Amino acid sequence: MKSLSMMPKSVKIEYCKKMGVILPEMRNRMKVEREIRELQRTTNILIPSGVFNKCVREVINEYTTKLFRIEKDANLALQQAAESFLVSLFQEADMMARHCKRVTILEKDMLLAMRLKSI
């Protein structure tokens, strides 16, 4: 039998699966997939509230010169709605990428998802 380093990658992966050996690149993929599953199970907000509040203030300042105060609950509701919208947008872009037999989301996937959502 040839050494593992001399095998083609596809043969090496199949061999390692049969033998129960986990390759380093498989470990990295498993780690990322585990992290994605953990984040999908959570319901808490993921964008730091200070950063989001600053963005909201910048948008408000673009439209008016008046000084506005935003209640904590209103800010939280706005942040939850924004995160929900972004998650659904990324899900649709991911479906576009998978339809093209890709794993990576490209700019054209995001643009098409935004066009379908009529943004």
Foldseek 3Di string as FASTA:
>chain_A
DDDLVPDPPVVSVVVCVVVVHADPVNVVVVVVVVVVVVVVPDDDQDDPLVVQVVVVVVVVVVPDVDDDDDDPVRSVVVRSVVVVVVVVLVVQLCVVQVVVVHRDRDPVSSVVSCVVVVD
